[in-house]
PDB file of all heavy atoms in Angstrom:
ATOM      1  N   TRP A   1     -18.935 -21.451   3.776  1.00  0.00           N
ATOM      2  CA  TRP A   1     -17.815 -20.547   3.905  1.00  0.00           C
ATOM      3  C   TRP A   1     -17.710 -19.488   2.721  1.00  0.00           C
ATOM      4  O   TRP A   1     -16.703 -18.900   2.578  1.00  0.00           O
ATOM      5  CB  TRP A   1     -16.471 -21.246   4.032  1.00  0.00           C
ATOM      6  CG  TRP A   1     -16.496 -22.252   5.177  1.00  0.00           C
ATOM      7  CD1 TRP A   1     -16.523 -23.621   5.045  1.00  0.00           C
ATOM      8  CD2 TRP A   1     -16.550 -21.961   6.529  1.00  0.00           C
ATOM      9  NE1 TRP A   1     -16.546 -24.247   6.279  1.00  0.00           N
ATOM     10  CE2 TRP A   1     -16.561 -23.228   7.234  1.00  0.00           C
ATOM     11  CE3 TRP A   1     -16.570 -20.799   7.287  1.00  0.00           C
ATOM     12  CZ2 TRP A   1     -16.613 -23.297   8.640  1.00  0.00           C
ATOM     13  CZ3 TRP A   1     -16.621 -20.884   8.648  1.00  0.00           C
ATOM     14  CH2 TRP A   1     -16.635 -22.147   9.306  1.00  0.00           C
ATOM     15  N   ASN A   2     -18.835 -19.360   1.944  1.00  0.00           N
ATOM     16  CA  ASN A   2     -18.726 -18.396   0.849  1.00  0.00           C
ATOM     17  C   ASN A   2     -18.645 -16.979   1.405  1.00  0.00           C
ATOM     18  O   ASN A   2     -17.842 -16.182   0.951  1.00  0.00           O
ATOM     19  CB  ASN A   2     -19.973 -18.530  -0.022  1.00  0.00           C
ATOM     20  CG  ASN A   2     -19.968 -19.803  -0.872  1.00  0.00           C
ATOM     21  OD1 ASN A   2     -18.868 -20.278  -1.195  1.00  0.00           O
ATOM     22  ND2 ASN A   2     -21.088 -20.368  -1.178  1.00  0.00           N
ATOM     23  N   LEU A   3     -19.472 -16.714   2.404  1.00  0.00           N
ATOM     24  CA  LEU A   3     -19.456 -15.337   2.983  1.00  0.00           C
ATOM     25  C   LEU A   3     -18.141 -15.018   3.666  1.00  0.00           C
ATOM     26  O   LEU A   3     -17.575 -13.950   3.466  1.00  0.00           O
ATOM     27  CB  LEU A   3     -20.602 -15.216   4.017  1.00  0.00           C
ATOM     28  CG  LEU A   3     -20.641 -13.868   4.786  1.00  0.00           C
ATOM     29  CD1 LEU A   3     -20.955 -12.707   3.797  1.00  0.00           C
ATOM     30  CD2 LEU A   3     -21.720 -13.901   5.844  1.00  0.00           C
ATOM     31  N   HIS A   4     -17.556 -15.975   4.420  1.00  0.00           N
ATOM     32  CA  HIS A   4     -16.321 -15.743   5.061  1.00  0.00           C
ATOM     33  C   HIS A   4     -15.196 -15.491   4.058  1.00  0.00           C
ATOM     34  O   HIS A   4     -14.361 -14.529   4.259  1.00  0.00           O
ATOM     35  CB  HIS A   4     -15.982 -16.918   5.984  1.00  0.00           C
ATOM     36  CG  HIS A   4     -14.655 -16.735   6.701  1.00  0.00           C
ATOM     37  ND1 HIS A   4     -14.589 -15.927   7.834  1.00  0.00           N
ATOM     38  CD2 HIS A   4     -13.421 -17.272   6.514  1.00  0.00           C
ATOM     39  CE1 HIS A   4     -13.299 -15.911   8.238  1.00  0.00           C
ATOM     40  NE2 HIS A   4     -12.613 -16.741   7.495  1.00  0.00           N
ATOM     41  N   LEU A   5     -15.147 -16.282   2.964  1.00  0.00           N
ATOM     42  CA  LEU A   5     -14.095 -16.117   2.003  1.00  0.00           C
ATOM     43  C   LEU A   5     -14.222 -14.774   1.337  1.00  0.00           C
ATOM     44  O   LEU A   5     -13.189 -14.023   1.181  1.00  0.00           O
ATOM     45  CB  LEU A   5     -14.221 -17.188   0.929  1.00  0.00           C
ATOM     46  CG  LEU A   5     -13.141 -17.150  -0.176  1.00  0.00           C
ATOM     47  CD1 LEU A   5     -11.763 -17.393   0.424  1.00  0.00           C
ATOM     48  CD2 LEU A   5     -13.498 -18.232  -1.250  1.00  0.00           C
ATOM     49  N   GLU A   6     -15.388 -14.318   0.996  1.00  0.00           N
ATOM     50  CA  GLU A   6     -15.551 -12.970   0.354  1.00  0.00           C
ATOM     51  C   GLU A   6     -15.164 -11.852   1.322  1.00  0.00           C
ATOM     52  O   GLU A   6     -14.546 -10.869   0.948  1.00  0.00           O
ATOM     53  CB  GLU A   6     -17.025 -12.810  -0.052  1.00  0.00           C
ATOM     54  CG  GLU A   6     -17.391 -13.699  -1.272  1.00  0.00           C
ATOM     55  CD  GLU A   6     -18.827 -13.436  -1.744  1.00  0.00           C
ATOM     56  OE1 GLU A   6     -19.435 -12.477  -1.195  1.00  0.00           O
ATOM     57  OE2 GLU A   6     -19.238 -14.171  -2.645  1.00  0.00           O
ATOM     58  N   GLN A   7     -15.544 -12.023   2.628  1.00  0.00           N
ATOM     59  CA  GLN A   7     -15.226 -10.994   3.582  1.00  0.00           C
ATOM     60  C   GLN A   7     -13.685 -10.851   3.832  1.00  0.00           C
ATOM     61  O   GLN A   7     -13.160  -9.742   3.807  1.00  0.00           O
ATOM     62  CB  GLN A   7     -15.880 -11.338   4.968  1.00  0.00           C
ATOM     63  CG  GLN A   7     -17.387 -11.148   4.935  1.00  0.00           C
ATOM     64  CD  GLN A   7     -17.857  -9.742   4.779  1.00  0.00           C
ATOM     65  OE1 GLN A   7     -17.174  -8.817   5.256  1.00  0.00           O
ATOM     66  NE2 GLN A   7     -19.001  -9.559   4.137  1.00  0.00           N
ATOM     67  N   VAL A   8     -12.989 -11.978   3.958  1.00  0.00           N
ATOM     68  CA  VAL A   8     -11.539 -11.891   4.243  1.00  0.00           C
ATOM     69  C   VAL A   8     -10.762 -11.407   3.000  1.00  0.00           C
ATOM     70  O   VAL A   8      -9.816 -10.631   3.132  1.00  0.00           O
ATOM     71  CB  VAL A   8     -10.989 -13.250   4.689  1.00  0.00           C
ATOM     72  CG1 VAL A   8     -11.620 -13.636   6.054  1.00  0.00           C
ATOM     73  CG2 VAL A   8     -11.177 -14.352   3.728  1.00  0.00           C
ATOM     74  N   ILE A   9     -11.233 -11.823   1.811  1.00  0.00           N
ATOM     75  CA  ILE A   9     -10.567 -11.351   0.571  1.00  0.00           C
ATOM     76  C   ILE A   9     -10.823  -9.866   0.412  1.00  0.00           C
ATOM     77  O   ILE A   9      -9.924  -9.115   0.009  1.00  0.00           O
ATOM     78  CB  ILE A   9     -11.061 -12.177  -0.617  1.00  0.00           C
ATOM     79  CG1 ILE A   9     -10.529 -13.623  -0.588  1.00  0.00           C
ATOM     80  CG2 ILE A   9     -10.630 -11.455  -1.929  1.00  0.00           C
ATOM     81  CD1 ILE A   9     -10.909 -14.450  -1.756  1.00  0.00           C
ATOM     82  N   GLY A  10     -12.046  -9.438   0.756  1.00  0.00           N
ATOM     83  CA  GLY A  10     -12.368  -8.011   0.642  1.00  0.00           C
ATOM     84  C   GLY A  10     -11.513  -7.197   1.603  1.00  0.00           C
ATOM     85  O   GLY A  10     -10.956  -6.155   1.228  1.00  0.00           O
ATOM     86  N   LYS A  11     -11.343  -7.686   2.838  1.00  0.00           N
ATOM     87  CA  LYS A  11     -10.531  -6.908   3.804  1.00  0.00           C
ATOM     88  C   LYS A  11      -9.108  -6.895   3.425  1.00  0.00           C
ATOM     89  O   LYS A  11      -8.413  -5.851   3.502  1.00  0.00           O
ATOM     90  CB  LYS A  11     -10.681  -7.580   5.174  1.00  0.00           C
ATOM     91  CG  LYS A  11     -12.031  -7.270   5.847  1.00  0.00           C
ATOM     92  CD  LYS A  11     -12.040  -7.903   7.262  1.00  0.00           C
ATOM     93  CE  LYS A  11     -13.375  -7.544   7.960  1.00  0.00           C
ATOM     94  NZ  LYS A  11     -13.358  -8.130   9.326  1.00  0.00           N
ATOM     95  N   ALA A  12      -8.554  -8.049   2.922  1.00  0.00           N
ATOM     96  CA  ALA A  12      -7.206  -8.095   2.507  1.00  0.00           C
ATOM     97  C   ALA A  12      -6.943  -7.213   1.288  1.00  0.00           C
ATOM     98  O   ALA A  12      -5.898  -6.513   1.189  1.00  0.00           O
ATOM     99  CB  ALA A  12      -6.817  -9.517   2.148  1.00  0.00           C
ATOM    100  N   THR A  13      -7.887  -7.188   0.350  1.00  0.00           N
ATOM    101  CA  THR A  13      -7.756  -6.325  -0.819  1.00  0.00           C
ATOM    102  C   THR A  13      -7.772  -4.861  -0.449  1.00  0.00           C
ATOM    103  O   THR A  13      -6.988  -4.058  -0.959  1.00  0.00           O
ATOM    104  CB  THR A  13      -8.856  -6.614  -1.865  1.00  0.00           C
ATOM    105  OG1 THR A  13      -8.874  -8.052  -2.154  1.00  0.00           O
ATOM    106  CG2 THR A  13      -8.686  -5.818  -3.129  1.00  0.00           C
ATOM    107  N   ASN A  14      -8.655  -4.509   0.512  1.00  0.00           N
ATOM    108  CA  ASN A  14      -8.668  -3.106   0.920  1.00  0.00           C
ATOM    109  C   ASN A  14      -7.408  -2.707   1.612  1.00  0.00           C
ATOM    110  O   ASN A  14      -6.892  -1.570   1.424  1.00  0.00           O
ATOM    111  CB  ASN A  14      -9.895  -2.927   1.937  1.00  0.00           C
ATOM    112  CG  ASN A  14     -11.210  -3.005   1.250  1.00  0.00           C
ATOM    113  OD1 ASN A  14     -11.322  -2.815   0.037  1.00  0.00           O
ATOM    114  ND2 ASN A  14     -12.229  -3.298   2.011  1.00  0.00           N
ATOM    115  N   ALA A  15      -6.888  -3.609   2.400  1.00  0.00           N
ATOM    116  CA  ALA A  15      -5.543  -3.308   3.080  1.00  0.00           C
ATOM    117  C   ALA A  15      -4.488  -3.100   2.047  1.00  0.00           C
ATOM    118  O   ALA A  15      -3.604  -2.196   2.130  1.00  0.00           O
ATOM    119  CB  ALA A  15      -5.168  -4.469   4.020  1.00  0.00           C
ATOM    120  N   LEU A  16      -4.483  -3.871   0.964  1.00  0.00           N
ATOM    121  CA  LEU A  16      -3.488  -3.746  -0.117  1.00  0.00           C
ATOM    122  C   LEU A  16      -3.649  -2.451  -0.835  1.00  0.00           C
ATOM    123  O   LEU A  16      -2.714  -1.727  -1.191  1.00  0.00           O
ATOM    124  CB  LEU A  16      -3.549  -4.954  -1.014  1.00  0.00           C
ATOM    125  CG  LEU A  16      -2.413  -5.150  -1.999  1.00  0.00           C
ATOM    126  CD1 LEU A  16      -1.102  -5.241  -1.265  1.00  0.00           C
ATOM    127  CD2 LEU A  16      -2.609  -6.373  -2.857  1.00  0.00           C
ATOM    128  N   TRP A  17      -4.946  -2.038  -1.127  1.00  0.00           N
ATOM    129  CA  TRP A  17      -5.184  -0.814  -1.815  1.00  0.00           C
ATOM    130  C   TRP A  17      -4.841   0.426  -1.019  1.00  0.00           C
ATOM    131  O   TRP A  17      -4.388   1.437  -1.490  1.00  0.00           O
ATOM    132  CB  TRP A  17      -6.619  -0.745  -2.288  1.00  0.00           C
ATOM    133  CG  TRP A  17      -6.878  -1.496  -3.550  1.00  0.00           C
ATOM    134  CD1 TRP A  17      -7.550  -2.649  -3.744  1.00  0.00           C
ATOM    135  CD2 TRP A  17      -6.402  -1.154  -4.883  1.00  0.00           C
ATOM    136  NE1 TRP A  17      -7.543  -3.065  -5.020  1.00  0.00           N
ATOM    137  CE2 TRP A  17      -6.857  -2.134  -5.748  1.00  0.00           C
ATOM    138  CE3 TRP A  17      -5.614  -0.066  -5.382  1.00  0.00           C
ATOM    139  CZ2 TRP A  17      -6.552  -2.124  -7.110  1.00  0.00           C
ATOM    140  CZ3 TRP A  17      -5.387  -0.047  -6.716  1.00  0.00           C
ATOM    141  CH2 TRP A  17      -5.790  -1.056  -7.607  1.00  0.00           C
ATOM    142  N   ILE A  18      -5.066   0.291   0.343  1.00  0.00           N
ATOM    143  CA  ILE A  18      -4.669   1.409   1.213  1.00  0.00           C
ATOM    144  C   ILE A  18      -3.137   1.567   1.160  1.00  0.00           C
ATOM    145  O   ILE A  18      -2.622   2.666   1.139  1.00  0.00           O
ATOM    146  CB  ILE A  18      -5.141   1.128   2.657  1.00  0.00           C
ATOM    147  CG1 ILE A  18      -6.734   1.296   2.715  1.00  0.00           C
ATOM    148  CG2 ILE A  18      -4.507   2.108   3.618  1.00  0.00           C
ATOM    149  CD1 ILE A  18      -7.249   0.884   4.020  1.00  0.00           C
ATOM    150  N   SER A  19      -2.400   0.479   1.213  1.00  0.00           N
ATOM    151  CA  SER A  19      -0.947   0.458   1.109  1.00  0.00           C
ATOM    152  C   SER A  19      -0.499   1.048  -0.218  1.00  0.00           C
ATOM    153  O   SER A  19       0.576   1.609  -0.336  1.00  0.00           O
ATOM    154  CB  SER A  19      -0.385  -0.912   1.335  1.00  0.00           C
ATOM    155  OG  SER A  19      -0.803  -1.458   2.539  1.00  0.00           O
ATOM    156  N   LYS A  20      -1.323   0.831  -1.224  1.00  0.00           N
ATOM    157  CA  LYS A  20      -0.943   1.285  -2.566  1.00  0.00           C
ATOM    158  C   LYS A  20      -0.815   2.771  -2.713  1.00  0.00           C
ATOM    159  O   LYS A  20      -0.239   3.275  -3.694  1.00  0.00           O
ATOM    160  CB  LYS A  20      -1.963   0.733  -3.618  1.00  0.00           C
ATOM    161  CG  LYS A  20      -1.362   0.313  -4.928  1.00  0.00           C
ATOM    162  CD  LYS A  20      -2.357  -0.530  -5.726  1.00  0.00           C
ATOM    163  CE  LYS A  20      -1.970  -0.600  -7.151  1.00  0.00           C
ATOM    164  NZ  LYS A  20      -0.552  -0.805  -7.407  1.00  0.00           N
ATOM    165  N   LYS A  21      -1.293   3.477  -1.747  1.00  0.00           N
ATOM    166  CA  LYS A  21      -1.143   4.984  -1.754  1.00  0.00           C
ATOM    167  C   LYS A  21       0.351   5.336  -1.561  1.00  0.00           C
ATOM    168  O   LYS A  21       0.715   6.487  -1.840  1.00  0.00           O
ATOM    169  CB  LYS A  21      -1.985   5.574  -0.646  1.00  0.00           C
ATOM    170  CG  LYS A  21      -3.514   5.424  -0.857  1.00  0.00           C
ATOM    171  CD  LYS A  21      -4.274   6.069   0.281  1.00  0.00           C
ATOM    172  CE  LYS A  21      -5.759   5.903   0.037  1.00  0.00           C
ATOM    173  NZ  LYS A  21      -6.545   6.501   1.163  1.00  0.00           N
ATOM    174  N   THR A  22       1.132   4.366  -1.041  1.00  0.00           N
ATOM    175  CA  THR A  22       2.551   4.682  -0.754  1.00  0.00           C
ATOM    176  C   THR A  22       3.446   4.263  -1.879  1.00  0.00           C
ATOM    177  O   THR A  22       4.667   4.459  -1.778  1.00  0.00           O
ATOM    178  CB  THR A  22       2.981   3.986   0.539  1.00  0.00           C
ATOM    179  OG1 THR A  22       2.848   2.597   0.371  1.00  0.00           O
ATOM    180  CG2 THR A  22       2.110   4.471   1.709  1.00  0.00           C
ATOM    181  N   PHE A  23       2.922   3.679  -2.990  1.00  0.00           N
ATOM    182  CA  PHE A  23       3.824   3.291  -4.046  1.00  0.00           C
ATOM    183  C   PHE A  23       2.996   3.220  -5.374  1.00  0.00           C
ATOM    184  O   PHE A  23       1.788   3.074  -5.329  1.00  0.00           O
ATOM    185  CB  PHE A  23       4.463   1.932  -3.795  1.00  0.00           C
ATOM    186  CG  PHE A  23       3.491   0.786  -3.572  1.00  0.00           C
ATOM    187  CD1 PHE A  23       2.978   0.128  -4.663  1.00  0.00           C
ATOM    188  CD2 PHE A  23       3.115   0.410  -2.311  1.00  0.00           C
ATOM    189  CE1 PHE A  23       2.083  -0.954  -4.425  1.00  0.00           C
ATOM    190  CE2 PHE A  23       2.225  -0.604  -2.090  1.00  0.00           C
ATOM    191  CZ  PHE A  23       1.703  -1.275  -3.181  1.00  0.00           C
ATOM    192  N   GLY A  24       3.728   3.372  -6.464  1.00  0.00           N
ATOM    193  CA  GLY A  24       3.140   3.171  -7.780  1.00  0.00           C
ATOM    194  C   GLY A  24       3.924   2.152  -8.620  1.00  0.00           C
ATOM    195  O   GLY A  24       4.750   1.410  -8.013  1.00  0.00           O
ATOM    196  N   LYS A  25       3.767   2.195  -9.865  1.00  0.00           N
ATOM    197  CA  LYS A  25       4.478   1.241 -10.717  1.00  0.00           C
ATOM    198  C   LYS A  25       5.959   1.554 -10.778  1.00  0.00           C
ATOM    199  O   LYS A  25       6.754   0.614 -10.873  1.00  0.00           O
ATOM    200  CB  LYS A  25       3.883   1.226 -12.107  1.00  0.00           C
ATOM    201  CG  LYS A  25       4.332   0.055 -12.958  1.00  0.00           C
ATOM    202  CD  LYS A  25       3.505  -0.073 -14.225  1.00  0.00           C
ATOM    203  CE  LYS A  25       3.940  -1.337 -14.986  1.00  0.00           C
ATOM    204  NZ  LYS A  25       3.112  -1.496 -16.203  1.00  0.00           N
ATOM    205  N   LYS A  26       6.286   2.822 -10.772  1.00  0.00           N
ATOM    206  CA  LYS A  26       7.720   3.216 -10.886  1.00  0.00           C
ATOM    207  C   LYS A  26       8.211   4.038  -9.696  1.00  0.00           C
ATOM    208  O   LYS A  26       9.361   4.489  -9.743  1.00  0.00           O
ATOM    209  CB  LYS A  26       7.931   4.023 -12.164  1.00  0.00           C
ATOM    210  CG  LYS A  26       7.401   3.333 -13.459  1.00  0.00           C
ATOM    211  CD  LYS A  26       8.346   2.224 -13.909  1.00  0.00           C
ATOM    212  CE  LYS A  26       7.883   1.656 -15.252  1.00  0.00           C
ATOM    213  NZ  LYS A  26       8.769   0.594 -15.656  1.00  0.00           N
ATOM    214  N   TRP A  27       7.430   4.215  -8.639  1.00  0.00           N
ATOM    215  CA  TRP A  27       7.834   5.111  -7.561  1.00  0.00           C
ATOM    216  C   TRP A  27       7.343   4.539  -6.265  1.00  0.00           C
ATOM    217  O   TRP A  27       6.547   3.595  -6.225  1.00  0.00           O
ATOM    218  CB  TRP A  27       7.284   6.507  -7.758  1.00  0.00           C
ATOM    219  CG  TRP A  27       5.798   6.545  -7.858  1.00  0.00           C
ATOM    220  CD1 TRP A  27       5.031   6.422  -8.995  1.00  0.00           C
ATOM    221  CD2 TRP A  27       4.888   6.627  -6.753  1.00  0.00           C
ATOM    222  NE1 TRP A  27       3.678   6.485  -8.647  1.00  0.00           N
ATOM    223  CE2 TRP A  27       3.581   6.600  -7.331  1.00  0.00           C
ATOM    224  CE3 TRP A  27       4.986   6.828  -5.403  1.00  0.00           C
ATOM    225  CZ2 TRP A  27       2.390   6.720  -6.513  1.00  0.00           C
ATOM    226  CZ3 TRP A  27       3.865   6.910  -4.607  1.00  0.00           C
ATOM    227  CH2 TRP A  27       2.578   6.888  -5.166  1.00  0.00           C
ATOM    228  N   GLY A  28       7.775   5.155  -5.166  1.00  0.00           N
ATOM    229  CA  GLY A  28       7.276   4.780  -3.876  1.00  0.00           C
ATOM    230  C   GLY A  28       8.164   3.827  -3.104  1.00  0.00           C
ATOM    231  O   GLY A  28       9.369   3.764  -3.289  1.00  0.00           O
ATOM    232  N   LEU A  29       7.546   3.043  -2.232  1.00  0.00           N
ATOM    233  CA  LEU A  29       8.302   2.094  -1.389  1.00  0.00           C
ATOM    234  C   LEU A  29       9.065   1.129  -2.207  1.00  0.00           C
ATOM    235  O   LEU A  29       8.640   0.750  -3.331  1.00  0.00           O
ATOM    236  CB  LEU A  29       7.256   1.334  -0.486  1.00  0.00           C
ATOM    237  CG  LEU A  29       6.519   2.128   0.559  1.00  0.00           C
ATOM    238  CD1 LEU A  29       5.490   1.230   1.274  1.00  0.00           C
ATOM    239  CD2 LEU A  29       7.465   2.779   1.562  1.00  0.00           C
ATOM    240  N   LYS A  30      10.117   0.626  -1.629  1.00  0.00           N
ATOM    241  CA  LYS A  30      10.989  -0.354  -2.316  1.00  0.00           C
ATOM    242  C   LYS A  30      10.187  -1.709  -2.387  1.00  0.00           C
ATOM    243  O   LYS A  30       9.354  -1.996  -1.569  1.00  0.00           O
ATOM    244  CB  LYS A  30      12.284  -0.568  -1.581  1.00  0.00           C
ATOM    245  CG  LYS A  30      13.190   0.680  -1.618  1.00  0.00           C
ATOM    246  CD  LYS A  30      14.506   0.394  -0.917  1.00  0.00           C
ATOM    247  CE  LYS A  30      15.430   1.573  -0.938  1.00  0.00           C
ATOM    248  NZ  LYS A  30      16.721   1.366  -0.256  1.00  0.00           N
ATOM    249  N   PRO A  31      10.520  -2.488  -3.417  1.00  0.00           N
ATOM    250  CA  PRO A  31       9.841  -3.796  -3.586  1.00  0.00           C
ATOM    251  C   PRO A  31       9.974  -4.646  -2.326  1.00  0.00           C
ATOM    252  O   PRO A  31       9.024  -5.387  -1.993  1.00  0.00           O
ATOM    253  CB  PRO A  31      10.555  -4.409  -4.756  1.00  0.00           C
ATOM    254  CG  PRO A  31      11.013  -3.277  -5.557  1.00  0.00           C
ATOM    255  CD  PRO A  31      11.395  -2.219  -4.602  1.00  0.00           C
ATOM    256  N   LYS A  32      11.084  -4.599  -1.663  1.00  0.00           N
ATOM    257  CA  LYS A  32      11.292  -5.417  -0.456  1.00  0.00           C
ATOM    258  C   LYS A  32      10.265  -4.993   0.618  1.00  0.00           C
ATOM    259  O   LYS A  32       9.760  -5.903   1.318  1.00  0.00           O
ATOM    260  CB  LYS A  32      12.698  -5.188   0.045  1.00  0.00           C
ATOM    261  CG  LYS A  32      13.084  -6.110   1.242  1.00  0.00           C
ATOM    262  CD  LYS A  32      14.545  -5.842   1.639  1.00  0.00           C
ATOM    263  CE  LYS A  32      14.931  -6.755   2.794  1.00  0.00           C
ATOM    264  NZ  LYS A  32      16.318  -6.581   3.192  1.00  0.00           N
TER     265      LYS A  32
END
């Protein structure tokens, strides 16, 4: 399951980084 773990973590990280375009450390979407 090494390959599967790397693939799902990579996809989840990419999804989080794509969402990160909508917020920064002090601006953007609300924490909630």
